Structures are given as structure tokens and as C-alpha cells.
Amino acid sequence: MTYFEKPSQQMAFLSDFHIEFFRTIKLMEHTEAAARALGLSVKLEAVTDSAEIAKYGVMSTPALVIQETVVSSGKVLTQEEAAKLLEPLAQGKA
């Protein structure tokens, strides 16, 4: 998990860590880099509990959840793709 000094937004990464470990780590790295590039202060959390993942209705991991909404699942976003999803937060529209 990565914690920034002053968390203002929370993001969760849903994953079966035993199967998707490297893909989840890459997704987290790309999302963290995108957030920093946009000047966002975020709290990143890896969620690996199957029951918790099921609550989100995610069928394919890794998945990215921003403000309790699944915004991506089943793929590793590039930094650019993650930045597009984070732009509304940076602009204060979310």
C-alpha cells in the first residue's frame, strides 16, 4: 500500500494477489504515477479479500476503484489511461 502525506482521494485495487500479483503492482504503479503527475494526493489500497471484491461485482481482476466506483477491471491501465480516469479528480469535478 502507498500512502501520500495528505490523502484527499481514496483508490482501491481489487485483485486475487496470488494470481494477479504482477499485473496489480503494475496497475498501482501506473495509477500512482498518473496521480502524482496530475498533482493529486491519494491513498492507494490493495484489496485482496474475495468477499470484498465480490461486493463490487468485479469478475475480472485487477480492478481500479475510485471513490467506491469500479472504473476499470480486467486490464492493466497505462499511466496515460489512468490519468484520463483521474482528470475529473484533478479538476475538482468528482
N, C-alpha and C. Protein backbone atom coordinates (compact mmCIF):
# COMPACT_ATOMS: atom_id res chain seq x y z
N MET A 1 0.83 -1.17 0.00
CA MET A 1 0.00 0.00 0.00
C MET A 1 0.88 1.24 0.00
N THR A 2 0.39 2.27 -0.64
CA THR A 2 1.09 3.53 -0.69
C THR A 2 0.21 4.59 -0.07
N TYR A 3 0.78 5.35 0.81
CA TYR A 3 0.04 6.45 1.41
C TYR A 3 0.77 7.75 1.14
N PHE A 4 0.07 8.74 0.61
CA PHE A 4 0.63 10.05 0.42
C PHE A 4 0.47 10.80 1.75
N GLU A 5 1.19 11.91 1.92
CA GLU A 5 1.17 12.62 3.17
C GLU A 5 -0.23 13.11 3.58
N LYS A 6 -0.96 13.71 2.66
CA LYS A 6 -2.28 14.24 2.98
C LYS A 6 -3.31 13.62 2.04
N PRO A 7 -3.85 12.44 2.39
CA PRO A 7 -4.79 11.80 1.49
C PRO A 7 -6.05 12.63 1.29
N SER A 8 -6.43 12.80 0.03
CA SER A 8 -7.66 13.52 -0.26
C SER A 8 -8.62 12.64 -1.05
N GLN A 9 -8.12 11.66 -1.73
CA GLN A 9 -8.94 10.74 -2.50
C GLN A 9 -8.48 9.32 -2.18
N GLN A 10 -9.42 8.39 -2.14
CA GLN A 10 -9.06 7.00 -1.87
C GLN A 10 -9.31 6.16 -3.11
N MET A 11 -8.35 5.30 -3.41
CA MET A 11 -8.47 4.38 -4.53
C MET A 11 -8.17 2.98 -4.04
N ALA A 12 -8.90 2.03 -4.55
CA ALA A 12 -8.66 0.64 -4.18
C ALA A 12 -8.34 -0.15 -5.43
N PHE A 13 -7.47 -1.11 -5.26
CA PHE A 13 -7.09 -2.02 -6.33
C PHE A 13 -7.55 -3.40 -5.91
N LEU A 14 -8.49 -3.96 -6.66
CA LEU A 14 -9.04 -5.27 -6.33
C LEU A 14 -8.29 -6.33 -7.08
N SER A 15 -7.82 -7.35 -6.34
CA SER A 15 -7.04 -8.37 -7.02
C SER A 15 -6.96 -9.66 -6.23
N ASP A 16 -6.94 -10.77 -6.95
CA ASP A 16 -6.55 -12.04 -6.36
C ASP A 16 -5.03 -12.01 -6.42
N PHE A 17 -4.41 -11.57 -5.35
CA PHE A 17 -2.97 -11.31 -5.36
C PHE A 17 -2.15 -12.55 -5.71
N HIS A 18 -2.66 -13.72 -5.42
CA HIS A 18 -1.91 -14.94 -5.73
C HIS A 18 -1.78 -15.15 -7.24
N ILE A 19 -2.82 -14.75 -7.97
CA ILE A 19 -2.84 -14.97 -9.42
C ILE A 19 -2.40 -13.72 -10.18
N GLU A 20 -2.83 -12.56 -9.73
CA GLU A 20 -2.64 -11.31 -10.46
C GLU A 20 -1.60 -10.38 -9.85
N PHE A 21 -0.68 -10.89 -9.05
CA PHE A 21 0.25 -10.05 -8.30
C PHE A 21 0.98 -9.03 -9.18
N PHE A 22 1.65 -9.47 -10.21
CA PHE A 22 2.46 -8.56 -11.03
C PHE A 22 1.59 -7.57 -11.80
N ARG A 23 0.45 -8.02 -12.29
CA ARG A 23 -0.45 -7.11 -13.02
C ARG A 23 -1.01 -6.04 -12.08
N THR A 24 -1.33 -6.44 -10.85
CA THR A 24 -1.86 -5.48 -9.88
C THR A 24 -0.80 -4.46 -9.48
N ILE A 25 0.41 -4.91 -9.27
CA ILE A 25 1.50 -3.99 -8.92
C ILE A 25 1.71 -2.99 -10.04
N LYS A 26 1.69 -3.44 -11.29
CA LYS A 26 1.86 -2.53 -12.44
C LYS A 26 0.71 -1.51 -12.48
N LEU A 27 -0.51 -1.96 -12.28
CA LEU A 27 -1.65 -1.05 -12.27
C LEU A 27 -1.49 -0.01 -11.17
N MET A 28 -1.06 -0.43 -10.00
CA MET A 28 -0.84 0.51 -8.89
C MET A 28 0.25 1.51 -9.24
N GLU A 29 1.34 1.04 -9.81
CA GLU A 29 2.45 1.94 -10.18
C GLU A 29 2.00 2.97 -11.21
N HIS A 30 1.27 2.51 -12.22
CA HIS A 30 0.82 3.43 -13.27
C HIS A 30 -0.17 4.45 -12.72
N THR A 31 -1.06 4.01 -11.84
CA THR A 31 -2.05 4.92 -11.27
C THR A 31 -1.40 5.92 -10.33
N GLU A 32 -0.45 5.45 -9.53
CA GLU A 32 0.27 6.35 -8.63
C GLU A 32 1.04 7.41 -9.42
N ALA A 33 1.71 6.99 -10.49
CA ALA A 33 2.45 7.93 -11.33
C ALA A 33 1.52 8.96 -11.97
N ALA A 34 0.36 8.51 -12.42
CA ALA A 34 -0.62 9.41 -13.03
C ALA A 34 -1.13 10.42 -12.00
N ALA A 35 -1.41 9.95 -10.80
CA ALA A 35 -1.89 10.84 -9.74
C ALA A 35 -0.85 11.90 -9.41
N ARG A 36 0.39 11.48 -9.28
CA ARG A 36 1.46 12.45 -8.98
C ARG A 36 1.60 13.47 -10.11
N ALA A 37 1.54 13.00 -11.34
CA ALA A 37 1.68 13.90 -12.50
C ALA A 37 0.56 14.94 -12.54
N LEU A 38 -0.62 14.56 -12.04
CA LEU A 38 -1.76 15.47 -12.01
C LEU A 38 -1.80 16.31 -10.73
N GLY A 39 -0.84 16.07 -9.84
CA GLY A 39 -0.79 16.82 -8.59
C GLY A 39 -1.82 16.38 -7.57
N LEU A 40 -2.31 15.15 -7.70
CA LEU A 40 -3.31 14.63 -6.77
C LEU A 40 -2.66 13.98 -5.57
N SER A 41 -3.28 14.15 -4.44
CA SER A 41 -2.88 13.48 -3.22
C SER A 41 -3.88 12.35 -3.00
N VAL A 42 -3.41 11.11 -3.04
CA VAL A 42 -4.32 9.97 -2.96
C VAL A 42 -3.82 8.94 -1.96
N LYS A 43 -4.75 8.08 -1.54
CA LYS A 43 -4.43 6.93 -0.72
C LYS A 43 -4.73 5.70 -1.55
N LEU A 44 -3.73 4.86 -1.75
CA LEU A 44 -3.90 3.64 -2.53
C LEU A 44 -3.99 2.45 -1.59
N GLU A 45 -4.91 1.56 -1.88
CA GLU A 45 -5.12 0.39 -1.04
C GLU A 45 -5.35 -0.84 -1.90
N ALA A 46 -4.66 -1.92 -1.59
CA ALA A 46 -4.87 -3.19 -2.30
C ALA A 46 -5.89 -4.01 -1.52
N VAL A 47 -6.95 -4.42 -2.21
CA VAL A 47 -7.99 -5.25 -1.61
C VAL A 47 -7.87 -6.64 -2.20
N THR A 48 -7.61 -7.62 -1.35
CA THR A 48 -7.39 -8.98 -1.84
C THR A 48 -8.44 -9.98 -1.32
N ASP A 49 -9.32 -9.53 -0.46
CA ASP A 49 -10.34 -10.41 0.09
C ASP A 49 -11.43 -10.67 -0.95
N SER A 50 -11.66 -11.94 -1.28
CA SER A 50 -12.63 -12.29 -2.32
C SER A 50 -14.03 -11.79 -2.02
N ALA A 51 -14.44 -11.84 -0.78
CA ALA A 51 -15.78 -11.37 -0.42
C ALA A 51 -15.90 -9.86 -0.66
N GLU A 52 -14.87 -9.12 -0.33
CA GLU A 52 -14.87 -7.67 -0.54
C GLU A 52 -14.89 -7.35 -2.03
N ILE A 53 -14.10 -8.10 -2.81
CA ILE A 53 -14.07 -7.90 -4.26
C ILE A 53 -15.45 -8.18 -4.86
N ALA A 54 -16.11 -9.23 -4.37
CA ALA A 54 -17.44 -9.60 -4.87
C ALA A 54 -18.46 -8.50 -4.62
N LYS A 55 -18.30 -7.74 -3.55
CA LYS A 55 -19.23 -6.64 -3.24
C LYS A 55 -19.24 -5.60 -4.36
N TYR A 56 -18.13 -5.48 -5.07
CA TYR A 56 -18.03 -4.52 -6.16
C TYR A 56 -18.55 -5.09 -7.49
N GLY A 57 -18.84 -6.39 -7.51
CA GLY A 57 -19.33 -7.02 -8.73
C GLY A 57 -18.24 -7.24 -9.78
N VAL A 58 -17.00 -7.24 -9.35
CA VAL A 58 -15.88 -7.40 -10.27
C VAL A 58 -15.70 -8.88 -10.59
N MET A 59 -15.67 -9.17 -11.89
CA MET A 59 -15.50 -10.55 -12.33
C MET A 59 -14.08 -10.81 -12.83
N SER A 60 -13.35 -9.75 -13.14
CA SER A 60 -12.02 -9.90 -13.69
C SER A 60 -11.09 -8.89 -13.03
N THR A 61 -9.97 -9.39 -12.52
CA THR A 61 -9.00 -8.51 -11.86
C THR A 61 -7.73 -8.43 -12.71
N PRO A 62 -6.92 -7.41 -12.48
CA PRO A 62 -7.05 -6.39 -11.45
C PRO A 62 -8.11 -5.38 -11.81
N ALA A 63 -8.61 -4.70 -10.79
CA ALA A 63 -9.63 -3.67 -11.00
C ALA A 63 -9.23 -2.41 -10.23
N LEU A 64 -9.66 -1.28 -10.73
CA LEU A 64 -9.39 0.00 -10.08
C LEU A 64 -10.72 0.61 -9.64
N VAL A 65 -10.78 0.99 -8.38
CA VAL A 65 -11.97 1.60 -7.80
C VAL A 65 -11.59 3.00 -7.34
N ILE A 66 -12.35 3.99 -7.81
CA ILE A 66 -12.13 5.37 -7.39
C ILE A 66 -13.43 5.85 -6.76
N GLN A 67 -13.33 6.30 -5.52
CA GLN A 67 -14.49 6.80 -4.78
C GLN A 67 -15.64 5.80 -4.82
N GLU A 68 -15.32 4.55 -4.53
CA GLU A 68 -16.30 3.46 -4.46
C GLU A 68 -16.94 3.08 -5.78
N THR A 69 -16.37 3.52 -6.90
CA THR A 69 -16.88 3.17 -8.22
C THR A 69 -15.81 2.42 -9.00
N VAL A 70 -16.16 1.26 -9.54
CA VAL A 70 -15.22 0.50 -10.37
C VAL A 70 -15.09 1.24 -11.69
N VAL A 71 -13.86 1.67 -12.01
CA VAL A 71 -13.64 2.42 -13.24
C VAL A 71 -12.88 1.60 -14.28
N SER A 72 -12.30 0.49 -13.85
CA SER A 72 -11.58 -0.39 -14.78
C SER A 72 -11.46 -1.77 -14.16
N SER A 73 -11.59 -2.79 -14.98
CA SER A 73 -11.34 -4.15 -14.48
C SER A 73 -10.84 -5.04 -15.60
N GLY A 74 -10.02 -5.99 -15.22
CA GLY A 74 -9.53 -6.98 -16.17
C GLY A 74 -8.35 -6.55 -17.02
N LYS A 75 -7.78 -5.38 -16.73
CA LYS A 75 -6.62 -4.97 -17.53
C LYS A 75 -5.71 -4.08 -16.70
N VAL A 76 -4.47 -3.99 -17.16
CA VAL A 76 -3.51 -3.08 -16.56
C VAL A 76 -3.53 -1.79 -17.37
N LEU A 77 -4.03 -0.74 -16.76
CA LEU A 77 -4.06 0.55 -17.44
C LEU A 77 -2.66 1.11 -17.62
N THR A 78 -2.43 1.82 -18.71
CA THR A 78 -1.18 2.55 -18.86
C THR A 78 -1.28 3.79 -17.97
N GLN A 79 -0.18 4.48 -17.78
CA GLN A 79 -0.21 5.71 -17.00
C GLN A 79 -1.14 6.73 -17.66
N GLU A 80 -1.12 6.78 -18.97
CA GLU A 80 -1.97 7.73 -19.70
C GLU A 80 -3.45 7.39 -19.52
N GLU A 81 -3.80 6.11 -19.58
CA GLU A 81 -5.19 5.69 -19.38
C GLU A 81 -5.65 6.02 -17.96
N ALA A 82 -4.79 5.76 -16.99
CA ALA A 82 -5.11 6.08 -15.59
C ALA A 82 -5.30 7.58 -15.42
N ALA A 83 -4.45 8.37 -16.07
CA ALA A 83 -4.54 9.83 -15.97
C ALA A 83 -5.89 10.32 -16.49
N LYS A 84 -6.39 9.73 -17.56
CA LYS A 84 -7.69 10.15 -18.10
C LYS A 84 -8.81 9.90 -17.09
N LEU A 85 -8.71 8.79 -16.36
CA LEU A 85 -9.72 8.48 -15.35
C LEU A 85 -9.59 9.40 -14.13
N LEU A 86 -8.39 9.89 -13.87
CA LEU A 86 -8.15 10.73 -12.71
C LEU A 86 -8.36 12.22 -12.99
N GLU A 87 -8.42 12.61 -14.24
CA GLU A 87 -8.55 14.03 -14.59
C GLU A 87 -9.73 14.72 -13.90
N PRO A 88 -10.92 14.10 -13.82
CA PRO A 88 -12.02 14.78 -13.12
C PRO A 88 -11.68 15.10 -11.66
N LEU A 89 -10.91 14.23 -11.00
CA LEU A 89 -10.50 14.50 -9.63
C LEU A 89 -9.57 15.69 -9.57
N ALA A 90 -8.66 15.76 -10.53
CA ALA A 90 -7.69 16.86 -10.57
C ALA A 90 -8.38 18.19 -10.86
N GLN A 91 -9.47 18.13 -11.61
CA GLN A 91 -10.20 19.34 -11.97
C GLN A 91 -11.29 19.67 -10.94
N GLY A 92 -11.37 18.84 -9.90
CA GLY A 92 -12.35 19.08 -8.86
C GLY A 92 -13.79 18.79 -9.25
N LYS A 93 -13.96 17.95 -10.27
CA LYS A 93 -15.31 17.64 -10.77
C LYS A 93 -15.85 16.33 -10.20
N ALA A 94 -15.07 15.68 -9.35
CA ALA A 94 -15.53 14.41 -8.82
C ALA A 94 -15.71 14.49 -7.32
